Amino acid sequence: MFGRQKPPTVESASSKEGGKGHATPTRKQAEAAAKARAKAPRSRGEKMRADRLKAQAAVRSGDERFLAERDRGPVRKFLRDFIDSKVNIGEILLPCLVLAVALNFFANRSVITFAMLFTLVLALMAAMSLWGLRIAVRRELKQRFPGVSPKGHVYYALMRSTQMRLMRYPKPQVKVGTKLPESYK
């Protein structure tokens, strides 16, 4: 009436004329979505636990994306398979040393002497086995991965060979005696 006149309002161009862009979900779809939301982890801790279980299952199946950085790559995969396809003295080293320690608790002098000699022989056999394995690993690395420095890789293989097969991580993917493939790239 009195005063300034307001400019005429223009309909905004952002209004949609075709609906919401997707069909209304059926009751079956809506119930399935509600169940999925209900199963989802409720807290951050539950989500982390679920992610951790998923990653552990993936590692057990051999998925390299979930492995630790030190275990990734074709060279490390080859080394794991190379060690796991052979029987090493290092696998039985820990149980034998526990047996030798247990034998030291006997009062009989000859049993204690046997336990000490057994420990000494076991240590020498383990050292010779590791030395031979070191040579074999270096030779295989040079043959299969030319240009790759064996530094660090040999230590990785030797440490894996001294672990009991059941305690190795990542879990062995090959059986003892398995012939390895020519290429790991």
Protein backbone atom coordinates (compact mmCIF):
# COMPACT_ATOMS: atom_id res chain seq x y z
CA MET A 1 0.00 0.00 0.00
CA PHE A 2 2.25 2.80 1.21
CA GLY A 3 6.02 2.66 0.79
CA ARG A 4 8.20 0.61 -1.46
CA GLN A 5 6.84 -2.04 -3.62
CA LYS A 6 8.37 -5.50 -3.32
CA PRO A 7 9.73 -7.08 -6.46
CA PRO A 8 7.68 -9.98 -7.70
CA THR A 9 8.95 -13.33 -6.34
CA VAL A 10 10.45 -15.63 -8.90
CA GLU A 11 10.00 -19.37 -8.54
CA SER A 12 13.36 -20.93 -7.74
CA ALA A 13 14.90 -22.97 -10.51
CA SER A 14 16.06 -25.62 -8.08
CA SER A 15 12.61 -27.06 -7.47
CA LYS A 16 12.34 -30.59 -8.81
CA GLU A 17 9.48 -31.51 -11.00
CA GLY A 18 10.13 -35.22 -11.45
CA GLY A 19 9.89 -36.61 -7.94
CA LYS A 20 12.66 -37.84 -5.69
CA GLY A 21 14.65 -39.75 -8.30
CA HIS A 22 13.93 -43.31 -7.18
CA ALA A 23 10.95 -45.53 -6.58
CA THR A 24 9.46 -45.97 -3.14
CA PRO A 25 10.96 -49.13 -1.65
CA THR A 26 8.68 -52.10 -1.21
CA ARG A 27 7.89 -53.33 2.27
CA LYS A 28 10.32 -56.24 1.76
CA GLN A 29 13.15 -53.87 0.80
CA ALA A 30 12.39 -51.51 3.68
CA GLU A 31 12.37 -54.36 6.21
CA ALA A 32 15.65 -55.74 4.83
CA ALA A 33 17.25 -52.29 5.11
CA ALA A 34 15.97 -51.92 8.68
CA LYS A 35 17.44 -55.33 9.62
CA ALA A 36 20.78 -54.36 8.07
CA ARG A 37 20.82 -51.14 10.11
CA ALA A 38 19.97 -53.10 13.25
CA LYS A 39 22.86 -55.53 12.64
CA ALA A 40 25.35 -52.73 12.07
CA PRO A 41 27.77 -52.11 14.95
CA ARG A 42 26.25 -49.67 17.41
CA SER A 43 29.40 -48.23 18.87
CA ARG A 44 32.86 -47.38 17.61
CA GLY A 45 34.34 -50.27 19.59
CA GLU A 46 31.98 -52.79 18.03
CA LYS A 47 32.77 -51.43 14.57
CA MET A 48 36.51 -51.72 15.21
CA ARG A 49 36.04 -55.27 16.50
CA ALA A 50 34.05 -56.22 13.39
CA ASP A 51 36.70 -54.67 11.12
CA ARG A 52 39.45 -56.52 12.99
CA LEU A 53 37.65 -59.86 12.61
CA LYS A 54 37.16 -59.18 8.91
CA ALA A 55 40.87 -58.36 8.49
CA GLN A 56 41.91 -61.50 10.41
CA ALA A 57 39.73 -63.66 8.17
CA ALA A 58 41.23 -62.00 5.09
CA VAL A 59 44.78 -62.63 6.36
CA ARG A 60 43.95 -66.29 6.99
CA SER A 61 42.70 -66.58 3.42
CA GLY A 62 45.90 -64.98 2.10
CA ASP A 63 44.62 -61.54 1.06
CA GLU A 64 47.72 -59.32 0.90
CA ARG A 65 45.78 -56.06 1.32
CA PHE A 66 45.29 -56.82 5.00
CA LEU A 67 48.85 -57.98 5.75
CA ALA A 68 51.30 -55.88 7.70
CA GLU A 69 53.63 -53.76 5.57
CA ARG A 70 56.60 -56.05 6.34
CA ASP A 71 54.75 -59.07 4.90
CA ARG A 72 53.55 -57.54 1.63
CA GLY A 73 54.95 -57.98 -1.84
CA PRO A 74 55.94 -60.80 -4.17
CA VAL A 75 59.39 -61.31 -2.59
CA ARG A 76 57.98 -61.80 0.90
CA LYS A 77 55.23 -64.09 -0.46
CA PHE A 78 57.87 -66.21 -2.16
CA LEU A 79 59.96 -66.34 1.03
CA ARG A 80 56.96 -67.44 3.10
CA ASP A 81 56.10 -70.17 0.61
CA PHE A 82 59.76 -71.22 0.30
CA ILE A 83 60.12 -71.64 4.07
CA ASP A 84 56.69 -73.22 4.55
CA SER A 85 57.27 -75.83 1.83
CA LYS A 86 60.25 -77.30 3.73
CA VAL A 87 60.74 -78.91 7.14
CA ASN A 88 63.33 -77.02 9.19
CA ILE A 89 65.09 -77.89 12.43
CA GLY A 90 63.96 -74.51 13.74
CA GLU A 91 60.36 -75.72 13.83
CA ILE A 92 61.13 -78.27 16.54
CA LEU A 93 63.77 -76.16 18.28
CA LEU A 94 61.51 -74.64 20.95
CA PRO A 95 59.80 -77.89 22.03
CA CYS A 96 63.17 -79.66 22.21
CA LEU A 97 64.68 -76.87 24.30
CA VAL A 98 61.71 -77.03 26.69
CA LEU A 99 62.31 -80.79 26.98
CA ALA A 100 66.01 -80.21 27.67
CA VAL A 101 65.20 -77.70 30.42
CA ALA A 102 62.73 -80.17 31.96
CA LEU A 103 65.40 -82.90 31.93
CA ASN A 104 67.71 -80.62 33.92
CA PHE A 105 65.38 -80.90 36.92
CA PHE A 106 66.13 -84.60 37.41
CA ALA A 107 68.48 -85.51 40.24
CA ASN A 108 70.26 -88.14 38.17
CA ARG A 109 73.62 -86.82 36.98
CA SER A 110 73.59 -88.81 33.72
CA VAL A 111 70.18 -87.38 32.72
CA ILE A 112 71.45 -83.84 33.30
CA THR A 113 74.58 -84.57 31.25
CA PHE A 114 72.42 -85.99 28.45
CA ALA A 115 70.21 -82.88 28.53
CA MET A 116 73.22 -80.58 28.25
CA LEU A 117 74.71 -82.58 25.36
CA PHE A 118 71.29 -82.70 23.70
CA THR A 119 71.02 -78.91 23.96
CA LEU A 120 74.52 -78.46 22.51
CA VAL A 121 73.87 -80.83 19.59
CA LEU A 122 70.52 -79.17 18.93
CA ALA A 123 72.10 -75.71 18.89
CA LEU A 124 74.80 -76.87 16.45
CA MET A 125 72.22 -78.51 14.18
CA ALA A 126 70.07 -75.36 14.23
CA ALA A 127 73.08 -73.17 13.39
CA MET A 128 74.07 -75.41 10.48
CA SER A 129 70.48 -75.55 9.24
CA LEU A 130 70.15 -71.77 9.37
CA TRP A 131 73.47 -71.33 7.56
CA GLY A 132 72.37 -73.70 4.77
CA LEU A 133 68.98 -72.02 4.57
CA ARG A 134 70.67 -68.62 4.32
CA ILE A 135 72.67 -69.80 1.32
CA ALA A 136 69.58 -71.35 -0.33
CA VAL A 137 67.47 -68.22 0.21
CA ARG A 138 70.15 -65.94 -1.24
CA ARG A 139 70.53 -68.23 -4.26
CA GLU A 140 66.77 -68.40 -4.89
CA LEU A 141 66.36 -64.63 -4.48
CA LYS A 142 69.16 -63.99 -6.96
CA GLN A 143 67.61 -66.43 -9.44
CA ARG A 144 63.93 -65.42 -9.11
CA PHE A 145 64.23 -61.71 -8.32
CA PRO A 146 67.36 -60.35 -10.01
CA GLY A 147 68.18 -56.84 -8.91
CA VAL A 148 66.52 -57.23 -5.50
CA SER A 149 68.88 -56.87 -2.58
CA PRO A 150 68.73 -59.84 -0.19
CA LYS A 151 69.25 -57.47 2.74
CA GLY A 152 66.37 -57.83 5.17
CA HIS A 153 64.73 -60.60 3.14
CA VAL A 154 67.17 -63.26 4.34
CA TYR A 155 66.59 -62.27 7.97
CA TYR A 156 62.82 -62.44 7.39
CA ALA A 157 63.14 -65.98 6.01
CA LEU A 158 65.45 -67.17 8.80
CA MET A 159 63.18 -65.81 11.54
CA ARG A 160 60.15 -67.47 9.92
CA SER A 161 62.01 -70.78 9.74
CA THR A 162 62.72 -70.76 13.48
CA GLN A 163 59.02 -70.44 14.37
CA MET A 164 56.85 -73.48 14.90
CA ARG A 165 54.58 -73.97 11.91
CA LEU A 166 51.43 -73.48 14.01
CA MET A 167 52.70 -70.14 15.37
CA ARG A 168 53.63 -68.54 12.05
CA TYR A 169 51.93 -65.35 10.99
CA PRO A 170 50.69 -65.01 8.28
CA LYS A 171 49.54 -68.63 8.32
CA PRO A 172 51.30 -70.98 5.88
CA GLN A 173 49.53 -71.10 2.51
CA VAL A 174 51.41 -74.14 1.15
CA LYS A 175 51.86 -77.65 2.47
CA VAL A 176 55.23 -79.24 3.19
CA GLY A 177 56.75 -80.63 -0.01
CA THR A 178 54.76 -78.40 -2.37
CA LYS A 179 56.56 -77.40 -5.56
CA LEU A 180 56.65 -73.62 -5.83
CA PRO A 181 55.59 -71.75 -8.99
CA GLU A 182 58.27 -70.22 -11.19
CA SER A 183 56.94 -66.66 -11.02
CA TYR A 184 55.72 -64.60 -8.07
CA LYS A 185 55.14 -61.27 -9.83
